[in-house]
């Protein structure tokens, strides 16, 4: 059975997907294990594409739907120790832009949400202790948004009339300068 047909057979027609696939393994790229690169590419890029593939054909067939891909400020700007993570999140932004061009005429909206640092456990799997400590020190110095606050932004984007697409929403703590 085709992926989207199986998804819709089990769950019914999908009106929206929030593709929030993400793992952030920080470290200097020259010293970072290649397995960590693979993990970020698999989750952040392939995971996103798998989510899209599961729902997009039905949306196109119905002429309506919303794909909300969660990128990152790190996909728009570079940071030390974020080389591969930033690359995967830049891919999210590029995939979203291209996908929007493919499906806009079919009534499907594609949105990219680009949060800055958020108070989550995303950093917990980073094995480079120095990079983890630096990032944690930054997080402790700034009043970061919560995951619930980012979810409210996602909800707001989705609740816009179907004829309107908020193409990209970048949100970050006021104290996050970059």
N, C-alpha and C. Protein backbone atom coordinates (compact mmCIF):
# COMPACT_ATOMS: atom_id res chain seq x y z
N UNK A 1 0.85 -1.17 0.00
CA UNK A 1 0.00 0.00 0.00
C UNK A 1 0.90 1.25 0.00
N UNK A 2 0.53 2.25 -0.75
CA UNK A 2 1.28 3.50 -0.80
C UNK A 2 1.24 4.16 0.58
N UNK A 3 2.35 4.81 0.99
CA UNK A 3 2.45 5.38 2.33
C UNK A 3 1.26 6.25 2.70
N UNK A 4 0.91 7.20 1.82
CA UNK A 4 -0.18 8.12 2.18
C UNK A 4 -1.52 7.39 2.24
N UNK A 5 -1.72 6.38 1.40
CA UNK A 5 -2.97 5.62 1.42
C UNK A 5 -3.08 4.86 2.75
N UNK A 6 -1.99 4.27 3.21
CA UNK A 6 -2.00 3.57 4.49
C UNK A 6 -2.29 4.54 5.62
N UNK A 7 -1.60 5.69 5.61
CA UNK A 7 -1.80 6.68 6.66
C UNK A 7 -3.25 7.10 6.74
N UNK A 8 -3.85 7.41 5.59
CA UNK A 8 -5.23 7.87 5.58
C UNK A 8 -6.21 6.74 5.88
N UNK A 9 -5.88 5.50 5.53
CA UNK A 9 -6.74 4.38 5.87
C UNK A 9 -6.81 4.19 7.39
N UNK A 10 -5.71 4.45 8.05
CA UNK A 10 -5.65 4.28 9.50
C UNK A 10 -6.21 5.50 10.23
N UNK A 11 -5.82 6.70 9.79
CA UNK A 11 -6.13 7.91 10.55
C UNK A 11 -7.17 8.83 9.90
N UNK A 12 -7.54 8.55 8.67
CA UNK A 12 -8.46 9.44 7.96
C UNK A 12 -7.68 10.53 7.25
N UNK A 13 -8.39 11.37 6.49
CA UNK A 13 -7.71 12.43 5.74
C UNK A 13 -6.92 13.36 6.68
N UNK A 14 -5.72 13.67 6.27
CA UNK A 14 -4.86 14.53 7.07
C UNK A 14 -4.95 15.96 6.55
N UNK A 15 -5.32 16.86 7.43
CA UNK A 15 -5.46 18.27 7.08
C UNK A 15 -4.14 19.02 7.28
N UNK A 16 -3.34 18.55 8.24
CA UNK A 16 -2.09 19.26 8.56
C UNK A 16 -1.08 18.29 9.14
N UNK A 17 0.17 18.61 8.91
CA UNK A 17 1.27 17.91 9.57
C UNK A 17 2.21 18.96 10.13
N UNK A 18 2.65 18.74 11.35
CA UNK A 18 3.72 19.54 11.93
C UNK A 18 4.92 18.62 11.96
N UNK A 19 5.82 18.85 11.02
CA UNK A 19 7.00 18.03 10.85
C UNK A 19 8.10 18.58 11.75
N UNK A 20 8.17 18.07 12.96
CA UNK A 20 9.09 18.60 13.97
C UNK A 20 10.19 17.59 14.26
N UNK A 21 10.70 16.94 13.22
CA UNK A 21 11.77 15.98 13.39
C UNK A 21 13.06 16.74 13.71
N UNK A 22 13.72 16.37 14.79
CA UNK A 22 14.95 17.08 15.08
C UNK A 22 15.80 16.44 16.15
N UNK A 23 17.08 16.38 15.86
CA UNK A 23 18.08 16.01 16.86
C UNK A 23 19.26 16.95 16.65
N UNK A 24 19.83 17.42 17.74
CA UNK A 24 20.92 18.40 17.67
C UNK A 24 22.12 17.84 18.42
N UNK A 25 23.11 17.42 17.67
CA UNK A 25 24.33 16.88 18.23
C UNK A 25 25.46 17.85 17.89
N UNK A 26 25.81 18.69 18.83
CA UNK A 26 26.79 19.73 18.58
C UNK A 26 28.21 19.19 18.71
N UNK A 27 29.12 19.84 18.01
CA UNK A 27 30.52 19.46 18.10
C UNK A 27 31.30 20.01 16.92
N UNK A 28 32.61 20.07 17.07
CA UNK A 28 33.46 20.48 15.96
C UNK A 28 33.43 19.40 14.91
N UNK A 29 33.11 19.77 13.69
CA UNK A 29 32.86 18.79 12.65
C UNK A 29 34.08 17.87 12.41
N UNK A 30 35.29 18.38 12.55
CA UNK A 30 36.48 17.56 12.32
C UNK A 30 36.65 16.48 13.38
N UNK A 31 36.10 16.72 14.56
CA UNK A 31 36.24 15.75 15.65
C UNK A 31 34.96 14.96 15.90
N UNK A 32 33.89 15.34 15.25
CA UNK A 32 32.59 14.72 15.51
C UNK A 32 32.49 13.36 14.82
N UNK A 33 32.00 12.36 15.52
CA UNK A 33 31.85 11.04 14.89
C UNK A 33 30.87 11.11 13.71
N UNK A 34 31.21 10.44 12.63
CA UNK A 34 30.36 10.44 11.44
C UNK A 34 28.98 9.86 11.73
N UNK A 35 28.90 9.00 12.69
CA UNK A 35 27.60 8.45 13.08
C UNK A 35 26.64 9.53 13.57
N UNK A 36 27.18 10.57 14.20
CA UNK A 36 26.34 11.68 14.63
C UNK A 36 25.84 12.47 13.43
N UNK A 37 26.67 12.61 12.42
CA UNK A 37 26.23 13.28 11.18
C UNK A 37 25.06 12.50 10.59
N UNK A 38 25.27 11.17 10.49
CA UNK A 38 24.24 10.31 9.91
C UNK A 38 22.93 10.43 10.68
N UNK A 39 23.02 10.44 11.99
CA UNK A 39 21.81 10.53 12.81
C UNK A 39 21.06 11.83 12.54
N UNK A 40 21.79 12.95 12.47
CA UNK A 40 21.13 14.24 12.21
C UNK A 40 20.52 14.28 10.82
N UNK A 41 21.22 13.76 9.82
CA UNK A 41 20.66 13.72 8.46
C UNK A 41 19.44 12.82 8.44
N UNK A 42 19.52 11.65 9.06
CA UNK A 42 18.40 10.71 9.06
C UNK A 42 17.16 11.30 9.74
N UNK A 43 17.33 11.91 10.89
CA UNK A 43 16.18 12.44 11.62
C UNK A 43 15.72 13.77 11.03
N UNK A 44 16.65 14.72 10.89
CA UNK A 44 16.28 16.09 10.54
C UNK A 44 15.86 16.25 9.09
N UNK A 45 16.41 15.44 8.20
CA UNK A 45 16.08 15.57 6.77
C UNK A 45 15.20 14.40 6.32
N UNK A 46 15.68 13.19 6.48
CA UNK A 46 14.88 12.04 6.02
C UNK A 46 13.58 11.90 6.81
N UNK A 47 13.63 12.17 8.09
CA UNK A 47 12.42 12.12 8.91
C UNK A 47 11.38 13.11 8.41
N UNK A 48 11.83 14.31 8.11
CA UNK A 48 10.95 15.35 7.56
C UNK A 48 10.35 14.88 6.23
N UNK A 49 11.18 14.37 5.34
CA UNK A 49 10.70 13.91 4.03
C UNK A 49 9.71 12.75 4.18
N UNK A 50 9.96 11.84 5.10
CA UNK A 50 9.03 10.74 5.32
C UNK A 50 7.68 11.24 5.80
N UNK A 51 7.69 12.23 6.68
CA UNK A 51 6.43 12.82 7.14
C UNK A 51 5.66 13.45 5.99
N UNK A 52 6.36 14.19 5.16
CA UNK A 52 5.73 14.83 4.00
C UNK A 52 5.15 13.76 3.08
N UNK A 53 5.93 12.73 2.78
CA UNK A 53 5.49 11.68 1.86
C UNK A 53 4.24 10.96 2.38
N UNK A 54 4.10 10.89 3.69
CA UNK A 54 2.96 10.18 4.28
C UNK A 54 1.64 10.92 4.10
N UNK A 55 1.67 12.24 3.92
CA UNK A 55 0.42 13.00 3.89
C UNK A 55 0.21 13.85 2.65
N UNK A 56 1.26 14.20 1.95
CA UNK A 56 1.15 15.17 0.86
C UNK A 56 0.26 14.70 -0.30
N UNK A 57 0.37 13.47 -0.77
CA UNK A 57 -0.47 13.09 -1.91
C UNK A 57 -1.97 13.29 -1.64
N UNK A 58 -2.42 12.95 -0.45
CA UNK A 58 -3.83 13.15 -0.11
C UNK A 58 -4.20 14.62 -0.08
N UNK A 59 -3.31 15.45 0.44
CA UNK A 59 -3.57 16.88 0.46
C UNK A 59 -3.70 17.42 -0.97
N UNK A 60 -2.79 17.01 -1.82
CA UNK A 60 -2.82 17.46 -3.21
C UNK A 60 -4.11 16.99 -3.88
N UNK A 61 -4.47 15.74 -3.67
CA UNK A 61 -5.71 15.20 -4.25
C UNK A 61 -6.94 15.98 -3.80
N UNK A 62 -6.98 16.36 -2.52
CA UNK A 62 -8.13 17.09 -1.98
C UNK A 62 -8.07 18.59 -2.27
N UNK A 63 -6.88 19.09 -2.65
CA UNK A 63 -6.72 20.52 -2.94
C UNK A 63 -6.68 21.39 -1.71
N UNK A 64 -6.26 20.81 -0.60
CA UNK A 64 -6.17 21.58 0.65
C UNK A 64 -5.26 20.84 1.62
N UNK A 65 -4.65 21.60 2.51
CA UNK A 65 -3.80 21.02 3.55
C UNK A 65 -2.69 21.98 3.92
N UNK A 66 -2.06 21.67 5.03
CA UNK A 66 -0.98 22.52 5.53
C UNK A 66 0.18 21.65 5.99
N UNK A 67 1.35 21.92 5.44
CA UNK A 67 2.59 21.27 5.86
C UNK A 67 3.37 22.32 6.64
N UNK A 68 3.62 22.05 7.91
CA UNK A 68 4.39 22.96 8.75
C UNK A 68 5.69 22.24 9.11
N UNK A 69 6.79 22.73 8.55
CA UNK A 69 8.10 22.14 8.80
C UNK A 69 8.85 22.99 9.82
N UNK A 70 9.38 22.34 10.83
CA UNK A 70 10.12 23.06 11.86
C UNK A 70 11.60 23.03 11.50
N UNK A 71 12.11 24.20 11.14
CA UNK A 71 13.52 24.38 10.86
C UNK A 71 14.20 24.90 12.11
N UNK A 72 15.01 25.93 11.95
CA UNK A 72 15.73 26.50 13.08
C UNK A 72 16.39 27.80 12.64
N UNK A 73 16.58 28.68 13.60
CA UNK A 73 17.41 29.86 13.34
C UNK A 73 18.79 29.39 12.87
N UNK A 74 19.23 28.24 13.38
CA UNK A 74 20.54 27.68 12.98
C UNK A 74 20.55 27.25 11.52
N UNK A 75 19.40 27.14 10.89
CA UNK A 75 19.35 26.87 9.46
C UNK A 75 19.47 28.13 8.62
N UNK A 76 19.41 29.28 9.29
CA UNK A 76 19.49 30.58 8.63
C UNK A 76 20.80 31.31 8.93
N UNK A 77 21.45 30.93 10.02
CA UNK A 77 22.67 31.59 10.48
C UNK A 77 23.61 30.53 11.03
N UNK A 78 24.89 30.74 10.86
CA UNK A 78 25.85 29.74 11.35
C UNK A 78 26.27 30.05 12.79
N UNK A 79 26.59 28.98 13.49
CA UNK A 79 27.08 29.06 14.87
C UNK A 79 28.23 28.07 15.02
N UNK A 80 29.21 28.36 15.88
CA UNK A 80 30.26 27.38 16.13
C UNK A 80 29.66 26.08 16.68
N UNK A 81 30.24 24.98 16.30
CA UNK A 81 29.83 23.64 16.77
C UNK A 81 28.48 23.18 16.26
N UNK A 82 27.89 23.92 15.31
CA UNK A 82 26.57 23.58 14.77
C UNK A 82 26.65 23.16 13.29
N UNK A 83 27.82 22.87 12.77
CA UNK A 83 28.00 22.71 11.32
C UNK A 83 27.00 21.74 10.70
N UNK A 84 26.94 20.53 11.16
CA UNK A 84 26.06 19.54 10.55
C UNK A 84 24.61 19.84 10.90
N UNK A 85 24.34 20.18 12.15
CA UNK A 85 22.98 20.53 12.55
C UNK A 85 22.46 21.69 11.70
N UNK A 86 23.27 22.73 11.56
CA UNK A 86 22.85 23.88 10.74
C UNK A 86 22.60 23.45 9.30
N UNK A 87 23.44 22.58 8.78
CA UNK A 87 23.25 22.09 7.41
C UNK A 87 21.94 21.36 7.25
N UNK A 88 21.58 20.53 8.23
CA UNK A 88 20.32 19.79 8.12
C UNK A 88 19.13 20.73 8.24
N UNK A 89 19.24 21.74 9.07
CA UNK A 89 18.12 22.67 9.23
C UNK A 89 18.05 23.64 8.04
N UNK A 90 19.18 23.95 7.41
CA UNK A 90 19.14 24.72 6.16
C UNK A 90 18.44 23.90 5.09
N UNK A 91 18.65 22.59 5.11
CA UNK A 91 17.95 21.70 4.18
C UNK A 91 16.44 21.76 4.40
N UNK A 92 16.01 21.82 5.65
CA UNK A 92 14.57 21.94 5.95
C UNK A 92 14.01 23.19 5.29
N UNK A 93 14.73 24.29 5.41
CA UNK A 93 14.27 25.55 4.80
C UNK A 93 14.22 25.43 3.29
N UNK A 94 15.23 24.85 2.68
CA UNK A 94 15.27 24.71 1.22
C UNK A 94 14.18 23.75 0.74
N UNK A 95 14.00 22.64 1.44
CA UNK A 95 12.95 21.69 1.07
C UNK A 95 11.59 22.38 1.14
N UNK A 96 11.37 23.14 2.16
CA UNK A 96 10.08 23.83 2.33
C UNK A 96 9.83 24.83 1.21
N UNK A 97 10.83 25.60 0.86
CA UNK A 97 10.68 26.59 -0.21
C UNK A 97 10.36 25.91 -1.54
N UNK A 98 11.08 24.86 -1.86
CA UNK A 98 10.86 24.16 -3.12
C UNK A 98 9.51 23.45 -3.12
N UNK A 99 9.17 22.81 -2.01
CA UNK A 99 7.89 22.13 -1.91
C UNK A 99 6.74 23.11 -2.08
N UNK A 100 6.87 24.29 -1.50
CA UNK A 100 5.82 25.31 -1.65
C UNK A 100 5.58 25.60 -3.12
N UNK A 101 6.64 25.72 -3.90
CA UNK A 101 6.49 25.98 -5.33
C UNK A 101 5.81 24.82 -6.04
N UNK A 102 6.03 23.60 -5.58
CA UNK A 102 5.42 22.43 -6.20
C UNK A 102 3.93 22.33 -5.91
N UNK A 103 3.50 22.72 -4.70
CA UNK A 103 2.13 22.40 -4.29
C UNK A 103 1.21 23.59 -4.10
N UNK A 104 1.71 24.80 -4.22
CA UNK A 104 0.85 25.97 -4.01
C UNK A 104 -0.35 25.97 -4.95
N UNK A 105 -0.14 25.63 -6.20
CA UNK A 105 -1.24 25.63 -7.17
C UNK A 105 -2.29 24.55 -6.85
N UNK A 106 -1.95 23.62 -5.95
CA UNK A 106 -2.88 22.56 -5.54
C UNK A 106 -3.59 22.92 -4.24
N UNK A 107 -3.42 24.16 -3.76
CA UNK A 107 -4.11 24.59 -2.55
C UNK A 107 -3.47 24.15 -1.26
N UNK A 108 -2.25 23.64 -1.32
CA UNK A 108 -1.56 23.16 -0.12
C UNK A 108 -0.57 24.23 0.35
N UNK A 109 -0.66 24.57 1.62
CA UNK A 109 0.25 25.55 2.21
C UNK A 109 1.48 24.85 2.76
N UNK A 110 2.63 25.50 2.62
CA UNK A 110 3.86 24.99 3.22
C UNK A 110 4.46 26.14 4.04
N UNK A 111 4.67 25.88 5.31
CA UNK A 111 5.15 26.87 6.26
C UNK A 111 6.44 26.36 6.89
N UNK A 112 7.37 27.26 7.11
CA UNK A 112 8.57 26.92 7.88
C UNK A 112 8.54 27.73 9.17
N UNK A 113 8.66 27.05 10.28
CA UNK A 113 8.80 27.69 11.58
C UNK A 113 10.27 27.56 11.95
N UNK A 114 10.90 28.68 12.28
CA UNK A 114 12.33 28.67 12.60
C UNK A 114 12.53 29.21 14.02
N UNK A 115 12.47 28.33 15.01
CA UNK A 115 12.72 28.80 16.37
C UNK A 115 14.21 28.98 16.62
N UNK A 116 14.51 29.93 17.48
CA UNK A 116 15.85 30.02 18.04
C UNK A 116 15.94 29.00 19.17
N UNK A 117 16.80 29.26 20.11
CA UNK A 117 16.93 28.35 21.26
C UNK A 117 15.60 28.30 22.01
N UNK A 118 15.23 27.10 22.42
CA UNK A 118 13.99 26.87 23.15
C UNK A 118 14.34 26.02 24.36
N UNK A 119 13.65 26.25 25.46
CA UNK A 119 13.91 25.49 26.67
C UNK A 119 13.37 24.06 26.51
N UNK A 120 14.21 23.18 25.97
CA UNK A 120 13.86 21.77 25.78
C UNK A 120 15.07 20.91 26.14
N UNK A 121 14.93 19.61 25.95
CA UNK A 121 16.02 18.67 26.20
C UNK A 121 16.77 18.32 24.91
N UNK A 122 16.62 19.13 23.86
CA UNK A 122 17.22 18.82 22.57
C UNK A 122 18.72 18.57 22.67
N UNK A 123 19.37 19.24 23.58
CA UNK A 123 20.82 19.15 23.71
C UNK A 123 21.28 17.89 24.45
N UNK A 124 20.36 17.16 25.02
CA UNK A 124 20.74 16.07 25.93
C UNK A 124 21.58 14.96 25.30
N UNK A 125 21.50 14.77 23.99
CA UNK A 125 22.25 13.69 23.36
C UNK A 125 23.60 14.13 22.79
N UNK A 126 23.93 15.42 22.94
CA UNK A 126 25.23 15.90 22.47
C UNK A 126 26.33 15.24 23.28
N UNK A 127 27.32 14.67 22.60
CA UNK A 127 28.40 13.97 23.30
C UNK A 127 29.62 14.87 23.53
N UNK A 128 29.72 15.98 22.81
CA UNK A 128 30.84 16.92 23.01
C UNK A 128 30.51 17.77 24.23
N UNK A 129 31.14 17.42 25.34
CA UNK A 129 30.81 18.07 26.62
C UNK A 129 31.12 19.57 26.62
N UNK A 130 32.18 19.99 25.94
CA UNK A 130 32.51 21.43 25.90
C UNK A 130 31.45 22.19 25.10
N UNK A 131 31.05 21.66 23.98
CA UNK A 131 30.01 22.31 23.17
C UNK A 131 28.70 22.35 23.94
N UNK A 132 28.39 21.26 24.63
CA UNK A 132 27.17 21.20 25.43
C UNK A 132 27.20 22.24 26.54
N UNK A 133 28.33 22.37 27.22
CA UNK A 133 28.46 23.33 28.31
C UNK A 133 28.33 24.76 27.81
N UNK A 134 28.96 25.06 26.67
CA UNK A 134 28.85 26.41 26.09
C UNK A 134 27.40 26.75 25.74
N UNK A 135 26.73 25.82 25.12
CA UNK A 135 25.34 26.06 24.72
C UNK A 135 24.44 26.18 25.95
N UNK A 136 24.68 25.34 26.94
CA UNK A 136 23.89 25.40 28.17
C UNK A 136 24.10 26.73 28.89
N UNK A 137 25.33 27.23 28.90
CA UNK A 137 25.60 28.53 29.53
C UNK A 137 24.82 29.63 28.82
N UNK A 138 24.78 29.58 27.49
CA UNK A 138 23.97 30.54 26.73
C UNK A 138 22.50 30.42 27.13
N UNK A 139 21.99 29.18 27.17
CA UNK A 139 20.58 28.97 27.50
C UNK A 139 20.25 29.48 28.90
N UNK A 140 21.18 29.33 29.83
CA UNK A 140 20.95 29.76 31.21
C UNK A 140 20.98 31.28 31.35
N UNK A 141 21.63 31.97 30.40
CA UNK A 141 21.78 33.43 30.48
C UNK A 141 20.63 34.19 29.84
N UNK A 142 19.76 33.49 29.12
CA UNK A 142 18.69 34.14 28.36
C UNK A 142 17.36 33.50 28.75
N UNK A 143 16.33 34.31 28.84
CA UNK A 143 14.99 33.77 29.11
C UNK A 143 14.42 33.22 27.80
N UNK A 144 14.47 31.91 27.66
CA UNK A 144 14.10 31.26 26.41
C UNK A 144 12.60 30.97 26.36
N UNK A 145 12.06 30.92 25.14
CA UNK A 145 10.67 30.48 25.01
C UNK A 145 10.56 29.00 25.36
N UNK A 146 9.36 28.61 25.73
CA UNK A 146 9.08 27.21 26.04
C UNK A 146 8.56 26.51 24.78
N UNK A 147 8.53 25.21 24.83
CA UNK A 147 7.96 24.43 23.73
C UNK A 147 6.49 24.78 23.54
N UNK A 148 5.77 25.04 24.63
CA UNK A 148 4.36 25.42 24.53
C UNK A 148 4.20 26.75 23.80
N UNK A 149 5.11 27.68 24.01
CA UNK A 149 5.03 28.97 23.31
C UNK A 149 5.29 28.80 21.81
N UNK A 150 6.21 27.93 21.46
CA UNK A 150 6.45 27.65 20.04
C UNK A 150 5.22 26.96 19.45
N UNK A 151 4.61 26.05 20.20
CA UNK A 151 3.40 25.37 19.74
C UNK A 151 2.27 26.37 19.50
N UNK A 152 2.18 27.40 20.31
CA UNK A 152 1.16 28.44 20.09
C UNK A 152 1.41 29.17 18.78
N UNK A 153 2.66 29.39 18.43
CA UNK A 153 2.98 30.02 17.14
C UNK A 153 2.58 29.11 15.99
N UNK A 154 2.82 27.81 16.14
CA UNK A 154 2.42 26.84 15.13
C UNK A 154 0.90 26.87 14.97
N UNK A 155 0.19 26.88 16.09
CA UNK A 155 -1.27 26.93 16.04
C UNK A 155 -1.74 28.19 15.32
N UNK A 156 -1.14 29.32 15.64
CA UNK A 156 -1.53 30.59 15.00
C UNK A 156 -1.34 30.52 13.48
N UNK A 157 -0.22 29.99 13.05
CA UNK A 157 0.05 29.86 11.61
C UNK A 157 -1.02 28.99 10.96
N UNK A 158 -1.32 27.86 11.58
CA UNK A 158 -2.31 26.94 11.04
C UNK A 158 -3.70 27.56 10.97
N UNK A 159 -4.06 28.37 11.95
CA UNK A 159 -5.41 28.93 12.02
C UNK A 159 -5.66 30.07 11.03
N UNK A 160 -4.66 30.48 10.29
CA UNK A 160 -4.90 31.49 9.27
C UNK A 160 -5.80 30.89 8.19
N UNK A 161 -6.56 31.73 7.48
CA UNK A 161 -7.41 31.18 6.42
C UNK A 161 -6.58 30.37 5.42
N UNK A 162 -7.15 29.30 4.89
CA UNK A 162 -6.43 28.40 3.99
C UNK A 162 -5.85 29.17 2.79
N UNK A 163 -6.44 30.26 2.41
CA UNK A 163 -5.95 31.03 1.26
C UNK A 163 -4.71 31.86 1.60
N UNK A 164 -4.31 31.87 2.88
CA UNK A 164 -3.14 32.64 3.32
C UNK A 164 -2.08 31.69 3.84
N UNK A 165 -0.85 31.88 3.36
CA UNK A 165 0.27 31.09 3.86
C UNK A 165 1.26 32.01 4.55
N UNK A 166 1.51 31.76 5.81
CA UNK A 166 2.63 32.40 6.50
C UNK A 166 3.83 31.55 6.09
N UNK A 167 4.58 32.04 5.15
CA UNK A 167 5.63 31.20 4.55
C UNK A 167 6.74 30.84 5.52
N UNK A 168 7.12 31.80 6.35
CA UNK A 168 8.19 31.53 7.32
C UNK A 168 7.95 32.38 8.55
N UNK A 169 8.10 31.75 9.69
CA UNK A 169 7.98 32.46 10.96
C UNK A 169 9.24 32.17 11.75
N UNK A 170 10.00 33.19 12.03
CA UNK A 170 11.22 33.08 12.82
C UNK A 170 10.90 33.65 14.20
N UNK A 171 11.13 32.86 15.23
CA UNK A 171 10.88 33.34 16.58
C UNK A 171 12.01 32.93 17.50
N UNK A 172 12.38 33.83 18.37
CA UNK A 172 13.48 33.57 19.29
C UNK A 172 13.30 34.44 20.52
N UNK A 173 14.01 34.10 21.55
CA UNK A 173 14.02 34.91 22.76
C UNK A 173 14.51 36.31 22.41
N UNK A 174 13.93 37.31 23.02
CA UNK A 174 14.37 38.68 22.79
C UNK A 174 15.86 38.82 23.10
N UNK A 175 16.32 38.12 24.12
CA UNK A 175 17.72 38.20 24.51
C UNK A 175 18.67 37.40 23.63
N UNK A 176 18.16 36.67 22.66
CA UNK A 176 19.02 35.92 21.73
C UNK A 176 19.38 36.84 20.57
N UNK A 177 20.56 37.43 20.65
CA UNK A 177 20.96 38.43 19.67
C UNK A 177 21.13 37.86 18.28
N UNK A 178 21.65 36.65 18.19
CA UNK A 178 21.90 36.05 16.86
C UNK A 178 20.95 34.92 16.59
